[in-house]
Amino acid sequence: MKATLQKAIKPVFFLALGVFILWQIVRSMTPEVRQETWLAMQQAKYGWVVLSIGCGILSHMSRAQRWRMLIAPLGYKPRYLVTFLCVMISYVANLALPRLGEVLKCTFLSRYERIPADKVIGTMIAERSVDAVTLLLITGITLVLQYNRINAFFQAKVVEPMAAKFAGNALLLPILIGGGLLFVALAWLAWKRLQRSERMEKIRDVLRNVAEGLTTVRRLENLPAFLFHSFFIWAMYFAMVSIVFPAMPATAELGFSAGMAILVFGSVGIIATPGGIGAYQLIVKETLVQLYGLAEAPAFAFANIVWGAQTAMIVVGGLLALALLPMFKRRGADEEMPREPGVVA
């Protein structure tokens, strides 16, 4: 009962957290900055935003095809349009409840294409593994590209202020050293406790699943095509952000490195709260302000435009997919699944 209650409360909590973050951002602004933000959003060239939405749709189309490639070795060939509609439904479902999208995605494809649900769910491991590795690679590339900016920010915001405090307080250094040693000791104790806990076993399970997923990918018949779609999906994610830069004068001069930084740091916001509400705007705004020197108003306006466009695309596309999917129901789709896999035309 307690576990069920926690699962029910968790998404509500994170949604409320996202709304609170968004409210805090707006609340902390002066009336002048709020007015400038609204004006920047009104004057943006929304033709670029439409192109961004198009890139988002292309990424989802590519993801549907990649999923079909993962299912094919199981002996099934789901229809492309049905697979695409299931992908779109998963995105809108995840806005309401994290991970619900993956469940519905597999459930609907299993029902409409008569594929055993456990086999469809198994392909999710491979998908998540590839996306996790891809995001790690992109993060590494971004950190290398942004090293000078990040280092300058760290020096200005952390090293120099600390050095100034050291110069004015002889006791500060011993206090910091003692605090550091205490932190290391507590971290070591926490690690020892974690190793004996159920949570550590879950972490090991995740790592084993990632390894299993990557092994599955290696056995695909057309690995180059699969890798192309994996690259294309993230290339379109990057384009969804960078193609909006010309929409506003303040962001028009930003380039490849800025797009990569927003893609990586913004992904954290998308994960943090349902649909990234609040968290995405905060992270993208601070990235543009702290690393690229934009004023607060255009930075916040840009974050809202990108987030709003993609969220609207997911909501409209997902609900439309939910309405269209029943049109593609096969005769006898609710009957018992076949015991042995067979190719479905």
Protein backbone atom coordinates (compact mmCIF):
# COMPACT_ATOMS: atom_id res chain seq x y z
CA MET A 1 0.00 0.00 0.00
CA LYS A 2 2.81 2.39 0.94
CA ALA A 3 4.75 1.61 -2.25
CA THR A 4 1.62 2.16 -4.36
CA LEU A 5 0.99 5.50 -2.67
CA GLN A 6 4.60 6.58 -3.29
CA LYS A 7 4.31 5.68 -6.98
CA ALA A 8 1.11 7.70 -7.24
CA ILE A 9 2.51 10.73 -5.44
CA LYS A 10 5.89 10.85 -7.20
CA PRO A 11 4.70 12.11 -10.64
CA VAL A 12 2.42 14.67 -8.99
CA PHE A 13 5.33 15.87 -6.87
CA PHE A 14 7.67 16.31 -9.84
CA LEU A 15 4.98 18.03 -11.89
CA ALA A 16 4.35 20.43 -8.99
CA LEU A 17 8.12 20.94 -8.71
CA GLY A 18 8.34 21.86 -12.38
CA VAL A 19 5.49 24.35 -12.10
CA PHE A 20 7.08 25.79 -8.96
CA ILE A 21 10.43 26.25 -10.74
CA LEU A 22 8.69 28.02 -13.62
CA TRP A 23 6.79 30.24 -11.20
CA GLN A 24 10.00 31.07 -9.34
CA ILE A 25 11.76 32.06 -12.56
CA VAL A 26 8.96 34.45 -13.50
CA ARG A 27 8.59 35.72 -9.92
CA SER A 28 12.30 36.57 -9.66
CA MET A 29 12.17 38.75 -12.79
CA THR A 30 11.58 42.44 -12.69
CA PRO A 31 8.47 43.75 -14.49
CA GLU A 32 10.75 45.16 -17.18
CA VAL A 33 12.40 41.76 -17.83
CA ARG A 34 8.99 40.05 -17.94
CA GLN A 35 7.84 42.60 -20.51
CA GLU A 36 11.03 42.12 -22.56
CA THR A 37 10.57 38.35 -22.45
CA TRP A 38 7.00 38.56 -23.67
CA LEU A 39 7.98 41.04 -26.41
CA ALA A 40 10.84 38.77 -27.56
CA MET A 41 8.43 35.83 -27.81
CA GLN A 42 5.91 37.91 -29.76
CA GLN A 43 8.50 39.19 -32.23
CA ALA A 44 10.20 35.82 -32.85
CA LYS A 45 10.17 34.47 -36.40
CA TYR A 46 7.98 31.42 -35.98
CA GLY A 47 8.77 30.01 -39.40
CA TRP A 48 11.97 28.67 -37.82
CA VAL A 49 9.89 27.17 -35.02
CA VAL A 50 7.76 25.31 -37.56
CA LEU A 51 10.97 23.86 -39.05
CA SER A 52 11.99 22.82 -35.53
CA ILE A 53 8.72 20.94 -35.12
CA GLY A 54 9.35 19.28 -38.47
CA CYS A 55 12.73 18.06 -37.20
CA GLY A 56 11.00 16.65 -34.13
CA ILE A 57 8.55 14.71 -36.28
CA LEU A 58 11.40 13.34 -38.41
CA SER A 59 13.18 12.13 -35.28
CA HIS A 60 10.04 10.26 -34.16
CA MET A 61 9.62 8.76 -37.63
CA SER A 62 13.20 7.53 -37.52
CA ARG A 63 12.68 6.12 -34.04
CA ALA A 64 9.68 4.13 -35.28
CA GLN A 65 11.74 2.61 -38.09
CA ARG A 66 14.59 1.78 -35.71
CA TRP A 67 12.13 0.03 -33.40
CA ARG A 68 10.85 -2.07 -36.30
CA MET A 69 14.43 -3.13 -37.01
CA LEU A 70 14.78 -4.35 -33.42
CA ILE A 71 11.55 -6.34 -33.64
CA ALA A 72 12.34 -7.95 -37.02
CA PRO A 73 14.83 -10.56 -35.67
CA LEU A 74 12.03 -11.87 -33.41
CA GLY A 75 10.13 -12.99 -36.51
CA TYR A 76 7.63 -10.15 -36.70
CA LYS A 77 7.25 -7.26 -39.13
CA PRO A 78 4.94 -4.59 -37.64
CA ARG A 79 3.43 -2.04 -40.00
CA TYR A 80 5.40 1.18 -40.08
CA LEU A 81 2.46 3.54 -39.60
CA VAL A 82 1.16 1.59 -36.62
CA THR A 83 4.64 1.62 -35.08
CA PHE A 84 4.93 5.37 -35.63
CA LEU A 85 1.53 6.03 -34.03
CA CYS A 86 2.55 3.95 -31.01
CA VAL A 87 5.74 6.00 -30.67
CA MET A 88 3.75 9.25 -30.72
CA ILE A 89 1.33 7.93 -28.11
CA SER A 90 4.27 7.04 -25.85
CA TYR A 91 5.52 10.63 -25.86
CA VAL A 92 2.21 12.21 -24.88
CA ALA A 93 1.68 9.52 -22.21
CA ASN A 94 5.06 10.31 -20.68
CA LEU A 95 3.91 13.90 -20.19
CA ALA A 96 1.19 12.62 -17.89
CA LEU A 97 3.15 9.90 -16.12
CA PRO A 98 6.85 9.02 -16.53
CA ARG A 99 7.42 5.53 -18.03
CA LEU A 100 3.73 5.16 -18.84
CA GLY A 101 4.65 5.86 -22.45
CA GLU A 102 6.88 2.79 -22.73
CA VAL A 103 4.13 0.60 -21.28
CA LEU A 104 1.43 1.92 -23.65
CA LYS A 105 3.78 1.85 -26.60
CA CYS A 106 4.44 -1.86 -26.15
CA THR A 107 0.84 -2.66 -25.21
CA PHE A 108 -0.67 -1.01 -28.28
CA LEU A 109 1.86 -2.51 -30.71
CA SER A 110 1.31 -5.94 -29.18
CA ARG A 111 -2.45 -5.60 -29.55
CA TYR A 112 -2.57 -4.15 -33.06
CA GLU A 113 0.21 -6.26 -34.59
CA ARG A 114 -0.44 -9.48 -32.64
CA ILE A 115 3.09 -9.67 -31.22
CA PRO A 116 3.54 -11.18 -27.73
CA ALA A 117 3.93 -8.31 -25.27
CA ASP A 118 6.99 -9.76 -23.54
CA LYS A 119 8.87 -9.85 -26.84
CA VAL A 120 8.01 -6.21 -27.61
CA ILE A 121 9.04 -5.10 -24.11
CA GLY A 122 12.39 -6.82 -24.58
CA THR A 123 13.24 -4.48 -27.44
CA MET A 124 12.96 -1.50 -25.07
CA ILE A 125 16.17 -2.62 -23.36
CA ALA A 126 18.11 -2.29 -26.60
CA GLU A 127 16.53 1.09 -27.39
CA ARG A 128 17.33 2.56 -24.00
CA SER A 129 20.87 1.16 -24.07
CA VAL A 130 21.68 2.75 -27.42
CA ASP A 131 20.15 6.10 -26.43
CA ALA A 132 22.06 6.12 -23.12
CA VAL A 133 25.39 5.43 -24.82
CA THR A 134 24.65 8.03 -27.50
CA LEU A 135 23.83 10.69 -24.92
CA LEU A 136 27.04 9.91 -23.02
CA LEU A 137 29.07 10.30 -26.23
CA ILE A 138 27.35 13.61 -27.06
CA THR A 139 27.94 14.84 -23.51
CA GLY A 140 31.65 14.01 -23.77
CA ILE A 141 31.95 15.82 -27.10
CA THR A 142 30.09 18.84 -25.72
CA LEU A 143 32.31 19.10 -22.64
CA VAL A 144 35.38 19.05 -24.87
CA LEU A 145 33.95 21.70 -27.19
CA GLN A 146 32.84 23.87 -24.27
CA TYR A 147 35.93 23.39 -22.11
CA ASN A 148 37.13 27.00 -22.36
CA ARG A 149 33.70 28.45 -21.57
CA ILE A 150 33.03 26.04 -18.70
CA ASN A 151 36.53 26.54 -17.29
CA ALA A 152 36.16 30.34 -17.49
CA PHE A 153 32.78 30.11 -15.75
CA PHE A 154 34.21 27.85 -13.03
CA GLN A 155 37.16 30.16 -12.49
CA ALA A 156 34.97 33.26 -12.28
CA LYS A 157 32.17 31.82 -10.16
CA VAL A 158 34.02 29.36 -7.93
CA VAL A 159 37.83 29.63 -7.88
CA GLU A 160 38.21 33.41 -7.73
CA PRO A 161 35.54 33.98 -5.04
CA MET A 162 37.05 31.19 -2.92
CA ALA A 163 40.55 32.62 -3.37
CA ALA A 164 39.30 36.02 -2.23
CA LYS A 165 37.77 34.45 0.89
CA PHE A 166 41.00 32.60 1.65
CA ALA A 167 42.92 35.85 1.52
CA GLY A 168 40.61 37.46 4.05
CA ASN A 169 40.14 34.55 6.48
CA ALA A 170 43.02 32.38 7.72
CA LEU A 171 40.63 29.86 9.33
CA LEU A 172 38.70 29.18 6.14
CA LEU A 173 41.28 26.82 4.63
CA PRO A 174 41.43 24.46 7.66
CA ILE A 175 37.63 24.49 7.82
CA LEU A 176 37.36 23.55 4.14
CA ILE A 177 39.96 20.80 4.49
CA GLY A 178 38.15 19.39 7.53
CA GLY A 179 34.82 19.61 5.71
CA GLY A 180 36.32 17.87 2.67
CA LEU A 181 37.67 15.02 4.79
CA LEU A 182 34.30 14.68 6.52
CA PHE A 183 32.57 14.57 3.13
CA VAL A 184 34.93 11.84 1.90
CA ALA A 185 34.33 9.78 5.06
CA LEU A 186 30.54 10.13 4.77
CA ALA A 187 30.67 9.30 1.05
CA TRP A 188 32.71 6.17 1.80
CA LEU A 189 30.21 5.05 4.45
CA ALA A 190 27.31 5.75 2.11
CA TRP A 191 29.00 3.72 -0.65
CA LYS A 192 29.52 0.76 1.70
CA ARG A 193 25.88 0.91 2.73
CA LEU A 194 24.75 1.23 -0.87
CA GLN A 195 26.69 -1.89 -1.86
CA ARG A 196 24.64 -3.93 0.62
CA SER A 197 21.29 -2.41 -0.34
CA GLU A 198 18.59 -3.41 -2.81
CA ARG A 199 19.21 -0.17 -4.70
CA MET A 200 22.72 -1.34 -5.62
CA GLU A 201 21.28 -4.55 -6.99
CA LYS A 202 18.91 -2.46 -9.12
CA ILE A 203 21.88 -0.48 -10.42
CA ARG A 204 23.65 -3.72 -11.34
CA ASP A 205 20.48 -4.87 -13.10
CA VAL A 206 20.40 -1.65 -15.12
CA LEU A 207 24.03 -2.09 -16.16
CA ARG A 208 23.40 -5.72 -17.10
CA ASN A 209 20.37 -4.67 -19.14
CA VAL A 210 22.42 -2.03 -20.97
CA ALA A 211 25.09 -4.62 -21.80
CA GLU A 212 22.41 -7.08 -22.94
CA GLY A 213 20.76 -4.40 -25.08
CA LEU A 214 24.03 -3.52 -26.81
CA THR A 215 24.71 -7.21 -27.44
CA THR A 216 21.29 -7.50 -29.10
CA VAL A 217 22.09 -4.59 -31.39
CA ARG A 218 25.28 -6.29 -32.59
CA ARG A 219 23.22 -9.21 -33.90
CA LEU A 220 20.98 -7.10 -36.17
CA GLU A 221 20.97 -7.98 -39.86
CA ASN A 222 21.39 -4.38 -41.03
CA LEU A 223 23.56 -2.81 -38.37
CA PRO A 224 24.68 0.19 -40.52
CA ALA A 225 21.04 1.21 -41.07
CA PHE A 226 20.32 0.86 -37.36
CA LEU A 227 23.33 3.03 -36.48
CA PHE A 228 22.24 5.59 -39.09
CA HIS A 229 18.80 5.90 -37.50
CA SER A 230 20.37 6.17 -34.03
CA PHE A 231 22.56 9.02 -35.29
CA PHE A 232 19.71 10.65 -37.20
CA ILE A 233 17.40 10.70 -34.17
CA TRP A 234 19.90 12.69 -32.12
CA ALA A 235 20.88 14.85 -35.09
CA MET A 236 17.23 15.90 -35.33
CA TYR A 237 17.14 16.56 -31.58
CA PHE A 238 20.10 18.89 -32.12
CA ALA A 239 18.37 20.51 -35.12
CA MET A 240 15.20 21.06 -33.07
CA VAL A 241 17.21 23.44 -30.89
CA SER A 242 19.76 25.01 -33.23
CA ILE A 243 17.31 25.71 -36.06
CA VAL A 244 15.44 28.12 -33.75
CA PHE A 245 18.53 30.32 -33.18
CA PRO A 246 17.78 32.60 -36.20
CA ALA A 247 14.25 33.20 -34.88
CA MET A 248 15.54 35.84 -32.45
CA PRO A 249 18.22 38.53 -32.93
CA ALA A 250 19.81 37.71 -29.55
CA THR A 251 20.40 34.06 -30.49
CA ALA A 252 21.01 34.46 -34.23
CA GLU A 253 24.81 34.34 -33.85
CA LEU A 254 24.87 31.19 -31.73
CA GLY A 255 26.28 28.13 -33.47
CA PHE A 256 27.07 24.44 -33.25
CA SER A 257 28.65 24.46 -29.77
CA ALA A 258 25.70 26.29 -28.23
CA GLY A 259 23.26 23.87 -29.83
CA MET A 260 25.19 20.92 -28.41
CA ALA A 261 25.28 22.50 -24.94
CA ILE A 262 21.53 23.11 -24.93
CA LEU A 263 20.88 19.59 -26.22
CA VAL A 264 22.92 17.99 -23.42
CA PHE A 265 22.02 20.25 -20.51
CA GLY A 266 18.40 20.53 -21.65
CA SER A 267 18.12 16.73 -21.67
CA VAL A 268 18.69 16.83 -17.92
CA GLY A 269 15.71 19.13 -17.57
CA ILE A 270 13.52 16.88 -19.72
CA ILE A 271 14.35 13.97 -17.40
CA ALA A 272 13.97 15.96 -14.16
CA THR A 273 10.28 16.88 -14.45
CA PRO A 274 7.34 15.64 -16.58
CA GLY A 275 7.96 16.93 -20.07
CA GLY A 276 10.77 19.09 -18.67
CA ILE A 277 8.35 21.77 -17.49
CA GLY A 278 10.19 24.40 -15.48
CA ALA A 279 13.45 22.47 -15.27
CA TYR A 280 14.10 22.74 -19.03
CA GLN A 281 13.45 26.47 -19.11
CA LEU A 282 15.67 27.06 -16.08
CA ILE A 283 18.62 25.02 -17.39
CA VAL A 284 18.48 26.40 -20.94
CA LYS A 285 18.10 29.97 -19.68
CA GLU A 286 21.07 29.65 -17.34
CA THR A 287 23.17 27.98 -20.05
CA LEU A 288 22.55 30.88 -22.41
CA VAL A 289 23.11 33.52 -19.71
CA GLN A 290 26.14 32.04 -17.95
CA LEU A 291 28.02 30.47 -20.85
CA TYR A 292 27.03 32.71 -23.77
CA GLY A 293 26.34 36.05 -22.11
CA LEU A 294 22.75 36.51 -23.26
CA ALA A 295 20.44 38.79 -21.35
CA GLU A 296 17.88 37.06 -19.14
CA ALA A 297 14.82 38.06 -21.18
CA PRO A 298 15.84 36.65 -24.60
CA ALA A 299 17.38 33.57 -22.95
CA PHE A 300 14.13 32.77 -21.14
CA ALA A 301 12.09 33.58 -24.24
CA PHE A 302 14.17 31.17 -26.33
CA ALA A 303 13.80 28.39 -23.75
CA ASN A 304 10.02 28.87 -23.65
CA ILE A 305 9.69 28.90 -27.44
CA VAL A 306 11.66 25.68 -27.93
CA TRP A 307 9.97 23.87 -25.04
CA GLY A 308 6.50 25.11 -25.98
CA ALA A 309 6.82 24.15 -29.64
CA GLN A 310 8.00 20.61 -28.95
CA THR A 311 5.48 20.06 -26.16
CA ALA A 312 2.64 21.24 -28.41
CA MET A 313 3.85 18.90 -31.16
CA ILE A 314 3.91 15.95 -28.75
CA VAL A 315 0.45 16.72 -27.32
CA VAL A 316 -1.25 17.28 -30.70
CA GLY A 317 0.60 14.44 -32.42
CA GLY A 318 0.06 12.01 -29.55
CA LEU A 319 -3.66 12.69 -29.21
CA LEU A 320 -4.09 12.50 -32.98
CA ALA A 321 -2.23 9.17 -33.00
CA LEU A 322 -4.48 7.89 -30.22
CA ALA A 323 -7.54 8.78 -32.31
CA LEU A 324 -6.16 7.28 -35.54
CA LEU A 325 -4.73 4.03 -34.19
CA PRO A 326 -8.09 2.15 -33.95
CA MET A 327 -8.43 2.54 -37.72
CA PHE A 328 -5.50 0.14 -38.16
CA LYS A 329 -6.79 -2.65 -35.94
CA ARG A 330 -6.38 -6.06 -37.56
CA ARG A 331 -9.23 -8.54 -37.59
CA GLY A 332 -8.82 -10.87 -34.64
CA ALA A 333 -6.25 -8.63 -32.97
CA ASP A 334 -7.73 -9.29 -29.54
CA GLU A 335 -7.41 -13.04 -29.90
CA GLU A 336 -4.72 -15.03 -28.12
CA MET A 337 -1.19 -14.32 -29.31
CA PRO A 338 0.50 -17.09 -31.33
CA ARG A 339 2.77 -19.35 -29.33
CA GLU A 340 5.47 -19.41 -31.99
CA PRO A 341 6.67 -16.23 -33.68
CA GLY A 342 5.70 -15.79 -37.29
CA VAL A 343 6.17 -12.96 -39.72
CA VAL A 344 3.18 -10.65 -39.89
CA ALA A 345 2.81 -9.09 -43.31
